[in-house]
Amino acid sequence: MAAVSSAKIGQKINEWYQNIKRLNVTDAEILRSEIRRDLDVMEEDEQAVLYFQLMEFRHEQMLEYMDLGARKMNKAEYLRSVEGQ
Protein backbone atom coordinates (compact mmCIF):
# COMPACT_ATOMS: atom_id res chain seq x y z
CA MET A 1 0.00 0.00 0.00
CA ALA A 2 1.35 3.44 -0.94
CA ALA A 3 2.17 5.93 1.78
CA VAL A 4 -0.37 8.67 2.40
CA SER A 5 1.06 12.19 2.40
CA SER A 6 1.08 14.10 5.64
CA ALA A 7 -0.54 17.06 3.83
CA LYS A 8 -3.56 14.90 2.98
CA ILE A 9 -3.78 13.76 6.60
CA GLY A 10 -3.57 17.40 7.72
CA GLN A 11 -6.51 18.31 5.48
CA LYS A 12 -8.57 15.46 6.92
CA ILE A 13 -7.69 16.53 10.46
CA ASN A 14 -8.84 20.08 9.64
CA GLU A 15 -12.16 18.69 8.39
CA TRP A 16 -12.41 16.55 11.53
CA TYR A 17 -11.85 19.64 13.69
CA GLN A 18 -14.61 21.52 11.86
CA ASN A 19 -17.00 18.67 12.69
CA ILE A 20 -15.89 18.70 16.32
CA LYS A 21 -16.56 22.45 16.57
CA ARG A 22 -20.03 21.94 15.05
CA LEU A 23 -20.70 19.07 17.52
CA ASN A 24 -21.25 16.81 14.52
CA VAL A 25 -20.47 13.55 16.34
CA THR A 26 -21.30 11.09 13.53
CA ASP A 27 -19.11 12.75 10.91
CA ALA A 28 -16.36 13.35 13.46
CA GLU A 29 -16.31 9.64 14.37
CA ILE A 30 -16.12 8.63 10.70
CA LEU A 31 -13.21 10.98 10.03
CA ARG A 32 -11.44 9.86 13.19
CA SER A 33 -11.55 6.25 11.98
CA GLU A 34 -10.35 7.17 8.49
CA ILE A 35 -7.47 9.23 9.87
CA ARG A 36 -6.39 6.44 12.24
CA ARG A 37 -6.21 4.03 9.28
CA ASP A 38 -4.31 6.58 7.19
CA LEU A 39 -1.78 7.25 9.96
CA ASP A 40 -0.66 3.63 9.79
CA VAL A 41 0.52 4.12 6.19
CA MET A 42 1.45 7.82 6.36
CA GLU A 43 4.91 9.05 5.50
CA GLU A 44 6.75 9.92 8.69
CA ASP A 45 5.77 13.37 10.01
CA GLU A 46 5.91 14.14 13.71
CA GLN A 47 3.89 17.37 13.34
CA ALA A 48 0.96 15.51 11.76
CA VAL A 49 0.99 12.97 14.59
CA LEU A 50 1.00 15.76 17.20
CA TYR A 51 -1.88 17.49 15.40
CA PHE A 52 -3.80 14.20 15.42
CA GLN A 53 -3.20 13.79 19.16
CA LEU A 54 -4.51 17.31 19.82
CA MET A 55 -7.68 16.58 17.84
CA GLU A 56 -8.08 13.26 19.71
CA PHE A 57 -8.12 15.29 22.93
CA ARG A 58 -10.66 17.74 21.50
CA HIS A 59 -12.75 14.84 20.23
CA GLU A 60 -12.81 13.27 23.70
CA GLN A 61 -13.79 16.64 25.22
CA MET A 62 -16.67 16.88 22.77
CA LEU A 63 -17.86 13.36 23.60
CA GLU A 64 -17.70 14.07 27.33
CA TYR A 65 -19.64 17.28 26.84
CA MET A 66 -22.20 15.53 24.66
CA ASP A 67 -23.02 13.05 27.42
CA LEU A 68 -26.74 13.66 27.13
CA GLY A 69 -27.50 11.96 30.44
CA ALA A 70 -25.48 14.55 32.36
CA ARG A 71 -27.16 17.76 31.16
CA LYS A 72 -28.68 19.56 28.20
CA MET A 73 -26.24 20.58 25.48
CA ASN A 74 -25.38 24.26 25.08
CA LYS A 75 -23.19 24.87 22.04
CA ALA A 76 -22.10 28.37 23.05
CA GLU A 77 -20.92 27.18 26.46
CA TYR A 78 -19.06 24.25 24.90
CA LEU A 79 -17.27 26.51 22.40
CA ARG A 80 -16.27 28.95 25.17
CA SER A 81 -14.77 26.10 27.20
CA VAL A 82 -12.91 24.65 24.22
CA GLU A 83 -11.74 27.89 22.62
CA GLY A 84 -11.25 29.80 25.87
CA GLN A 85 -13.39 32.75 24.79
PDB file of N, CA and C in Angstrom:
ATOM      1  N   MET A   1       0.841  -1.184   0.000  1.00  0.00           N
ATOM      2  CA  MET A   1       0.000   0.000   0.000  1.00  0.00           C
ATOM      3  C   MET A   1       0.887   1.248   0.000  1.00  0.00           C
ATOM      4  N   ALA A   2       0.568   2.215  -0.826  1.00  0.00           N
ATOM      5  CA  ALA A   2       1.355   3.436  -0.941  1.00  0.00           C
ATOM      6  C   ALA A   2       1.171   4.322   0.287  1.00  0.00           C
ATOM      7  N   ALA A   3       2.224   5.027   0.625  1.00  0.00           N
ATOM      8  CA  ALA A   3       2.173   5.933   1.779  1.00  0.00           C
ATOM      9  C   ALA A   3       1.257   7.120   1.486  1.00  0.00           C
ATOM     10  N   VAL A   4       0.512   7.514   2.497  1.00  0.00           N
ATOM     11  CA  VAL A   4      -0.369   8.675   2.401  1.00  0.00           C
ATOM     12  C   VAL A   4       0.441   9.901   2.803  1.00  0.00           C
ATOM     13  N   SER A   5       0.289  10.983   2.076  1.00  0.00           N
ATOM     14  CA  SER A   5       1.064  12.186   2.400  1.00  0.00           C
ATOM     15  C   SER A   5       0.544  12.833   3.679  1.00  0.00           C
ATOM     16  N   SER A   6       1.463  13.448   4.394  1.00  0.00           N
ATOM     17  CA  SER A   6       1.079  14.103   5.644  1.00  0.00           C
ATOM     18  C   SER A   6       0.178  15.310   5.367  1.00  0.00           C
ATOM     19  N   ALA A   7       0.324  15.926   4.189  1.00  0.00           N
ATOM     20  CA  ALA A   7      -0.537  17.063   3.833  1.00  0.00           C
ATOM     21  C   ALA A   7      -1.995  16.612   3.701  1.00  0.00           C
ATOM     22  N   LYS A   8      -2.203  15.437   3.121  1.00  0.00           N
ATOM     23  CA  LYS A   8      -3.562  14.904   2.978  1.00  0.00           C
ATOM     24  C   LYS A   8      -4.157  14.589   4.358  1.00  0.00           C
ATOM     25  N   ILE A   9      -3.340  14.034   5.230  1.00  0.00           N
ATOM     26  CA  ILE A   9      -3.785  13.763   6.601  1.00  0.00           C
ATOM     27  C   ILE A   9      -4.133  15.071   7.292  1.00  0.00           C
ATOM     28  N   GLY A  10      -3.311  16.089   7.112  1.00  0.00           N
ATOM     29  CA  GLY A  10      -3.572  17.399   7.723  1.00  0.00           C
ATOM     30  C   GLY A  10      -4.903  17.970   7.271  1.00  0.00           C
ATOM     31  N   GLN A  11      -5.230  17.823   5.996  1.00  0.00           N
ATOM     32  CA  GLN A  11      -6.509  18.312   5.483  1.00  0.00           C
ATOM     33  C   GLN A  11      -7.674  17.567   6.133  1.00  0.00           C
ATOM     34  N   LYS A  12      -7.517  16.250   6.280  1.00  0.00           N
ATOM     35  CA  LYS A  12      -8.575  15.461   6.921  1.00  0.00           C
ATOM     36  C   LYS A  12      -8.745  15.859   8.385  1.00  0.00           C
ATOM     37  N   ILE A  13      -7.624  16.127   9.056  1.00  0.00           N
ATOM     38  CA  ILE A  13      -7.694  16.534  10.457  1.00  0.00           C
ATOM     39  C   ILE A  13      -8.398  17.883  10.573  1.00  0.00           C
ATOM     40  N   ASN A  14      -8.133  18.795   9.642  1.00  0.00           N
ATOM     41  CA  ASN A  14      -8.838  20.080   9.641  1.00  0.00           C
ATOM     42  C   ASN A  14     -10.339  19.878   9.486  1.00  0.00           C
ATOM     43  N   GLU A  15     -10.730  18.995   8.584  1.00  0.00           N
ATOM     44  CA  GLU A  15     -12.157  18.693   8.391  1.00  0.00           C
ATOM     45  C   GLU A  15     -12.748  18.069   9.657  1.00  0.00           C
ATOM     46  N   TRP A  16     -11.991  17.185  10.281  1.00  0.00           N
ATOM     47  CA  TRP A  16     -12.410  16.554  11.531  1.00  0.00           C
ATOM     48  C   TRP A  16     -12.646  17.619  12.597  1.00  0.00           C
ATOM     49  N   TYR A  17     -11.720  18.585  12.706  1.00  0.00           N
ATOM     50  CA  TYR A  17     -11.849  19.644  13.694  1.00  0.00           C
ATOM     51  C   TYR A  17     -13.101  20.490  13.446  1.00  0.00           C
ATOM     52  N   GLN A  18     -13.393  20.763  12.191  1.00  0.00           N
ATOM     53  CA  GLN A  18     -14.613  21.519  11.862  1.00  0.00           C
ATOM     54  C   GLN A  18     -15.851  20.774  12.351  1.00  0.00           C
ATOM     55  N   ASN A  19     -15.873  19.467  12.206  1.00  0.00           N
ATOM     56  CA  ASN A  19     -17.005  18.674  12.688  1.00  0.00           C
ATOM     57  C   ASN A  19     -17.066  18.655  14.210  1.00  0.00           C
ATOM     58  N   ILE A  20     -15.923  18.644  14.855  1.00  0.00           N
ATOM     59  CA  ILE A  20     -15.892  18.701  16.320  1.00  0.00           C
ATOM     60  C   ILE A  20     -16.477  20.027  16.797  1.00  0.00           C
ATOM     61  N   LYS A  21     -16.058  21.133  16.167  1.00  0.00           N
ATOM     62  CA  LYS A  21     -16.561  22.451  16.566  1.00  0.00           C
ATOM     63  C   LYS A  21     -18.071  22.562  16.350  1.00  0.00           C
ATOM     64  N   ARG A  22     -18.586  21.896  15.339  1.00  0.00           N
ATOM     65  CA  ARG A  22     -20.026  21.939  15.052  1.00  0.00           C
ATOM     66  C   ARG A  22     -20.804  20.906  15.863  1.00  0.00           C
ATOM     67  N   LEU A  23     -20.100  20.141  16.719  1.00  0.00           N
ATOM     68  CA  LEU A  23     -20.701  19.075  17.521  1.00  0.00           C
ATOM     69  C   LEU A  23     -21.370  18.022  16.630  1.00  0.00           C
ATOM     70  N   ASN A  24     -20.758  17.764  15.497  1.00  0.00           N
ATOM     71  CA  ASN A  24     -21.247  16.811  14.523  1.00  0.00           C
ATOM     72  C   ASN A  24     -20.582  15.457  14.812  1.00  0.00           C
ATOM     73  N   VAL A  25     -21.119  14.736  15.802  1.00  0.00           N
ATOM     74  CA  VAL A  25     -20.473  13.547  16.338  1.00  0.00           C
ATOM     75  C   VAL A  25     -20.316  12.452  15.282  1.00  0.00           C
ATOM     76  N   THR A  26     -21.342  12.183  14.503  1.00  0.00           N
ATOM     77  CA  THR A  26     -21.296  11.093  13.533  1.00  0.00           C
ATOM     78  C   THR A  26     -20.181  11.307  12.513  1.00  0.00           C
ATOM     79  N   ASP A  27     -20.148  12.474  11.902  1.00  0.00           N
ATOM     80  CA  ASP A  27     -19.109  12.754  10.908  1.00  0.00           C
ATOM     81  C   ASP A  27     -17.723  12.789  11.546  1.00  0.00           C
ATOM     82  N   ALA A  28     -17.641  13.301  12.763  1.00  0.00           N
ATOM     83  CA  ALA A  28     -16.356  13.348  13.463  1.00  0.00           C
ATOM     84  C   ALA A  28     -15.838  11.937  13.731  1.00  0.00           C
ATOM     85  N   GLU A  29     -16.713  11.031  14.122  1.00  0.00           N
ATOM     86  CA  GLU A  29     -16.313   9.641  14.372  1.00  0.00           C
ATOM     87  C   GLU A  29     -15.829   8.965  13.100  1.00  0.00           C
ATOM     88  N   ILE A  30     -16.519   9.215  11.982  1.00  0.00           N
ATOM     89  CA  ILE A  30     -16.122   8.629  10.704  1.00  0.00           C
ATOM     90  C   ILE A  30     -14.737   9.115  10.298  1.00  0.00           C
ATOM     91  N   LEU A  31     -14.520  10.425  10.387  1.00  0.00           N
ATOM     92  CA  LEU A  31     -13.215  10.981  10.031  1.00  0.00           C
ATOM     93  C   LEU A  31     -12.119  10.477  10.959  1.00  0.00           C
ATOM     94  N   ARG A  32     -12.423  10.351  12.228  1.00  0.00           N
ATOM     95  CA  ARG A  32     -11.438   9.856  13.191  1.00  0.00           C
ATOM     96  C   ARG A  32     -10.970   8.461  12.794  1.00  0.00           C
ATOM     97  N   SER A  33     -11.900   7.610  12.409  1.00  0.00           N
ATOM     98  CA  SER A  33     -11.550   6.248  11.985  1.00  0.00           C
ATOM     99  C   SER A  33     -10.709   6.259  10.714  1.00  0.00           C
ATOM    100  N   GLU A  34     -11.103   7.076   9.743  1.00  0.00           N
ATOM    101  CA  GLU A  34     -10.347   7.174   8.487  1.00  0.00           C
ATOM    102  C   GLU A  34      -8.918   7.645   8.753  1.00  0.00           C
ATOM    103  N   ILE A  35      -8.791   8.662   9.590  1.00  0.00           N
ATOM    104  CA  ILE A  35      -7.467   9.229   9.867  1.00  0.00           C
ATOM    105  C   ILE A  35      -6.591   8.218  10.599  1.00  0.00           C
ATOM    106  N   ARG A  36      -7.164   7.467  11.533  1.00  0.00           N
ATOM    107  CA  ARG A  36      -6.395   6.443  12.240  1.00  0.00           C
ATOM    108  C   ARG A  36      -5.842   5.414  11.258  1.00  0.00           C
ATOM    109  N   ARG A  37      -6.678   4.989  10.293  1.00  0.00           N
ATOM    110  CA  ARG A  37      -6.215   4.027   9.279  1.00  0.00           C
ATOM    111  C   ARG A  37      -5.104   4.647   8.425  1.00  0.00           C
ATOM    112  N   ASP A  38      -5.297   5.906   8.036  1.00  0.00           N
ATOM    113  CA  ASP A  38      -4.312   6.576   7.187  1.00  0.00           C
ATOM    114  C   ASP A  38      -2.981   6.797   7.909  1.00  0.00           C
ATOM    115  N   LEU A  39      -3.025   7.019   9.210  1.00  0.00           N
ATOM    116  CA  LEU A  39      -1.785   7.252   9.964  1.00  0.00           C
ATOM    117  C   LEU A  39      -0.870   6.027   9.932  1.00  0.00           C
ATOM    118  N   ASP A  40      -1.467   4.849   9.823  1.00  0.00           N
ATOM    119  CA  ASP A  40      -0.658   3.629   9.789  1.00  0.00           C
ATOM    120  C   ASP A  40       0.209   3.544   8.534  1.00  0.00           C
ATOM    121  N   VAL A  41      -0.237   4.184   7.451  1.00  0.00           N
ATOM    122  CA  VAL A  41       0.516   4.125   6.193  1.00  0.00           C
ATOM    123  C   VAL A  41       1.042   5.496   5.771  1.00  0.00           C
ATOM    124  N   MET A  42       1.015   6.448   6.676  1.00  0.00           N
ATOM    125  CA  MET A  42       1.452   7.816   6.360  1.00  0.00           C
ATOM    126  C   MET A  42       2.977   7.889   6.339  1.00  0.00           C
ATOM    127  N   GLU A  43       3.477   8.757   5.464  1.00  0.00           N
ATOM    128  CA  GLU A  43       4.908   9.055   5.502  1.00  0.00           C
ATOM    129  C   GLU A  43       5.217   9.663   6.867  1.00  0.00           C
ATOM    130  N   GLU A  44       6.401   9.478   7.344  1.00  0.00           N
ATOM    131  CA  GLU A  44       6.751   9.924   8.693  1.00  0.00           C
ATOM    132  C   GLU A  44       6.704  11.444   8.810  1.00  0.00           C
ATOM    133  N   ASP A  45       5.889  11.932   9.760  1.00  0.00           N
ATOM    134  CA  ASP A  45       5.767  13.370  10.012  1.00  0.00           C
ATOM    135  C   ASP A  45       5.284  13.570  11.442  1.00  0.00           C
ATOM    136  N   GLU A  46       6.210  13.980  12.291  1.00  0.00           N
ATOM    137  CA  GLU A  46       5.906  14.144  13.713  1.00  0.00           C
ATOM    138  C   GLU A  46       4.835  15.208  13.958  1.00  0.00           C
ATOM    139  N   GLN A  47       4.857  16.283  13.167  1.00  0.00           N
ATOM    140  CA  GLN A  47       3.888  17.368  13.343  1.00  0.00           C
ATOM    141  C   GLN A  47       2.459  16.870  13.083  1.00  0.00           C
ATOM    142  N   ALA A  48       2.282  16.042  12.069  1.00  0.00           N
ATOM    143  CA  ALA A  48       0.957  15.506  11.759  1.00  0.00           C
ATOM    144  C   ALA A  48       0.461  14.615  12.893  1.00  0.00           C
ATOM    145  N   VAL A  49       1.362  13.842  13.471  1.00  0.00           N
ATOM    146  CA  VAL A  49       0.987  12.969  14.594  1.00  0.00           C
ATOM    147  C   VAL A  49       0.594  13.809  15.804  1.00  0.00           C
ATOM    148  N   LEU A  50       1.340  14.877  16.082  1.00  0.00           N
ATOM    149  CA  LEU A  50       1.003  15.758  17.201  1.00  0.00           C
ATOM    150  C   LEU A  50      -0.357  16.441  16.982  1.00  0.00           C
ATOM    151  N   TYR A  51      -0.605  16.862  15.754  1.00  0.00           N
ATOM    152  CA  TYR A  51      -1.881  17.485  15.401  1.00  0.00           C
ATOM    153  C   TYR A  51      -3.017  16.494  15.615  1.00  0.00           C
ATOM    154  N   PHE A  52      -2.798  15.245  15.217  1.00  0.00           N
ATOM    155  CA  PHE A  52      -3.799  14.200  15.424  1.00  0.00           C
ATOM    156  C   PHE A  52      -4.074  14.014  16.917  1.00  0.00           C
ATOM    157  N   GLN A  53      -3.031  13.989  17.718  1.00  0.00           N
ATOM    158  CA  GLN A  53      -3.201  13.795  19.156  1.00  0.00           C
ATOM    159  C   GLN A  53      -3.992  14.939  19.786  1.00  0.00           C
ATOM    160  N   LEU A  54      -3.752  16.163  19.326  1.00  0.00           N
ATOM    161  CA  LEU A  54      -4.514  17.312  19.818  1.00  0.00           C
ATOM    162  C   LEU A  54      -5.991  17.148  19.477  1.00  0.00           C
ATOM    163  N   MET A  55      -6.276  16.745  18.248  1.00  0.00           N
ATOM    164  CA  MET A  55      -7.676  16.578  17.840  1.00  0.00           C
ATOM    165  C   MET A  55      -8.320  15.408  18.566  1.00  0.00           C
ATOM    166  N   GLU A  56      -7.552  14.367  18.902  1.00  0.00           N
ATOM    167  CA  GLU A  56      -8.078  13.256  19.707  1.00  0.00           C
ATOM    168  C   GLU A  56      -8.557  13.797  21.060  1.00  0.00           C
ATOM    169  N   PHE A  57      -7.748  14.679  21.652  1.00  0.00           N
ATOM    170  CA  PHE A  57      -8.115  15.289  22.928  1.00  0.00           C
ATOM    171  C   PHE A  57      -9.390  16.104  22.783  1.00  0.00           C
ATOM    172  N   ARG A  58      -9.463  16.930  21.737  1.00  0.00           N
ATOM    173  CA  ARG A  58     -10.657  17.743  21.502  1.00  0.00           C
ATOM    174  C   ARG A  58     -11.870  16.857  21.246  1.00  0.00           C
ATOM    175  N   HIS A  59     -11.663  15.774  20.522  1.00  0.00           N
ATOM    176  CA  HIS A  59     -12.754  14.843  20.231  1.00  0.00           C
ATOM    177  C   HIS A  59     -13.300  14.250  21.535  1.00  0.00           C
ATOM    178  N   GLU A  60     -12.392  13.836  22.405  1.00  0.00           N
ATOM    179  CA  GLU A  60     -12.808  13.270  23.695  1.00  0.00           C
ATOM    180  C   GLU A  60     -13.539  14.313  24.535  1.00  0.00           C
ATOM    181  N   GLN A  61     -13.083  15.568  24.502  1.00  0.00           N
ATOM    182  CA  GLN A  61     -13.786  16.637  25.219  1.00  0.00           C
ATOM    183  C   GLN A  61     -15.198  16.791  24.692  1.00  0.00           C
ATOM    184  N   MET A  62     -15.349  16.758  23.375  1.00  0.00           N
ATOM    185  CA  MET A  62     -16.673  16.881  22.770  1.00  0.00           C
ATOM    186  C   MET A  62     -17.573  15.739  23.225  1.00  0.00           C
ATOM    187  N   LEU A  63     -17.051  14.515  23.215  1.00  0.00           N
ATOM    188  CA  LEU A  63     -17.861  13.357  23.605  1.00  0.00           C
ATOM    189  C   LEU A  63     -18.271  13.444  25.073  1.00  0.00           C
ATOM    190  N   GLU A  64     -17.365  13.898  25.915  1.00  0.00           N
ATOM    191  CA  GLU A  64     -17.704  14.070  27.333  1.00  0.00           C
ATOM    192  C   GLU A  64     -18.794  15.124  27.493  1.00  0.00           C
ATOM    193  N   TYR A  65     -18.658  16.209  26.764  1.00  0.00           N
ATOM    194  CA  TYR A  65     -19.636  17.278  26.840  1.00  0.00           C
ATOM    195  C   TYR A  65     -20.995  16.818  26.315  1.00  0.00           C
ATOM    196  N   MET A  66     -20.973  15.973  25.302  1.00  0.00           N
ATOM    197  CA  MET A  66     -22.202  15.526  24.660  1.00  0.00           C
ATOM    198  C   MET A  66     -22.918  14.441  25.458  1.00  0.00           C
ATOM    199  N   ASP A  67     -22.376  14.064  26.590  1.00  0.00           N
ATOM    200  CA  ASP A  67     -23.017  13.049  27.417  1.00  0.00           C
ATOM    201  C   ASP A  67     -24.410  13.555  27.782  1.00  0.00           C
ATOM    202  N   LEU A  68     -25.387  13.127  27.009  1.00  0.00           N
ATOM    203  CA  LEU A  68     -26.742  13.661  27.134  1.00  0.00           C
ATOM    204  C   LEU A  68     -27.404  13.330  28.467  1.00  0.00           C
ATOM    205  N   GLY A  69     -26.929  12.299  29.148  1.00  0.00           N
ATOM    206  CA  GLY A  69     -27.498  11.963  30.439  1.00  0.00           C
ATOM    207  C   GLY A  69     -27.110  12.947  31.524  1.00  0.00           C
ATOM    208  N   ALA A  70     -25.983  13.638  31.334  1.00  0.00           N
ATOM    209  CA  ALA A  70     -25.485  14.548  32.359  1.00  0.00           C
ATOM    210  C   ALA A  70     -26.253  15.859  32.378  1.00  0.00           C
ATOM    211  N   ARG A  71     -26.453  16.491  31.209  1.00  0.00           N
ATOM    212  CA  ARG A  71     -27.164  17.762  31.160  1.00  0.00           C
ATOM    213  C   ARG A  71     -27.484  18.113  29.714  1.00  0.00           C
ATOM    214  N   LYS A  72     -28.297  19.122  29.535  1.00  0.00           N
ATOM    215  CA  LYS A  72     -28.677  19.557  28.200  1.00  0.00           C
ATOM    216  C   LYS A  72     -27.509  20.268  27.527  1.00  0.00           C
ATOM    217  N   MET A  73     -27.344  20.017  26.237  1.00  0.00           N
ATOM    218  CA  MET A  73     -26.238  20.576  25.480  1.00  0.00           C
ATOM    219  C   MET A  73     -26.446  22.068  25.205  1.00  0.00           C
ATOM    220  N   ASN A  74     -25.374  22.842  25.390  1.00  0.00           N
ATOM    221  CA  ASN A  74     -25.378  24.257  25.083  1.00  0.00           C
ATOM    222  C   ASN A  74     -24.133  24.540  24.250  1.00  0.00           C
ATOM    223  N   LYS A  75     -24.316  24.730  22.959  1.00  0.00           N
ATOM    224  CA  LYS A  75     -23.188  24.868  22.042  1.00  0.00           C
ATOM    225  C   LYS A  75     -22.300  26.060  22.382  1.00  0.00           C
ATOM    226  N   ALA A  76     -22.889  27.181  22.736  1.00  0.00           N
ATOM    227  CA  ALA A  76     -22.099  28.373  23.050  1.00  0.00           C
ATOM    228  C   ALA A  76     -21.186  28.119  24.248  1.00  0.00           C
ATOM    229  N   GLU A  77     -21.719  27.476  25.272  1.00  0.00           N
ATOM    230  CA  GLU A  77     -20.921  27.176  26.461  1.00  0.00           C
ATOM    231  C   GLU A  77     -19.785  26.210  26.130  1.00  0.00           C
ATOM    232  N   TYR A  78     -20.079  25.201  25.311  1.00  0.00           N
ATOM    233  CA  TYR A  78     -19.061  24.255  24.895  1.00  0.00           C
ATOM    234  C   TYR A  78     -17.924  24.968  24.139  1.00  0.00           C
ATOM    235  N   LEU A  79     -18.286  25.811  23.189  1.00  0.00           N
ATOM    236  CA  LEU A  79     -17.271  26.511  22.404  1.00  0.00           C
ATOM    237  C   LEU A  79     -16.424  27.426  23.268  1.00  0.00           C
ATOM    238  N   ARG A  80     -17.045  28.095  24.250  1.00  0.00           N
ATOM    239  CA  ARG A  80     -16.268  28.947  25.166  1.00  0.00           C
ATOM    240  C   ARG A  80     -15.268  28.116  25.943  1.00  0.00           C
ATOM    241  N   SER A  81     -15.684  26.941  26.413  1.00  0.00           N
ATOM    242  CA  SER A  81     -14.774  26.104  27.199  1.00  0.00           C
ATOM    243  C   SER A  81     -13.639  25.553  26.348  1.00  0.00           C
ATOM    244  N   VAL A  82     -13.926  25.217  25.099  1.00  0.00           N
ATOM    245  CA  VAL A  82     -12.907  24.645  24.220  1.00  0.00           C
ATOM    246  C   VAL A  82     -11.976  25.726  23.685  1.00  0.00           C
ATOM    247  N   GLU A  83     -12.530  26.839  23.241  1.00  0.00           N
ATOM    248  CA  GLU A  83     -11.739  27.891  22.620  1.00  0.00           C
ATOM    249  C   GLU A  83     -11.204  28.903  23.632  1.00  0.00           C
ATOM    250  N   GLY A  84     -11.732  28.880  24.854  1.00  0.00           N
ATOM    251  CA  GLY A  84     -11.251  29.797  25.870  1.00  0.00           C
ATOM    252  C   GLY A  84     -11.727  31.227  25.684  1.00  0.00           C
ATOM    253  N   GLN A  85     -12.888  31.402  25.042  1.00  0.00           N
ATOM    254  CA  GLN A  85     -13.392  32.753  24.793  1.00  0.00           C
ATOM    255  C   GLN A  85     -14.766  32.901  25.385  1.00  0.00           C
TER     256      GLN A  85
END
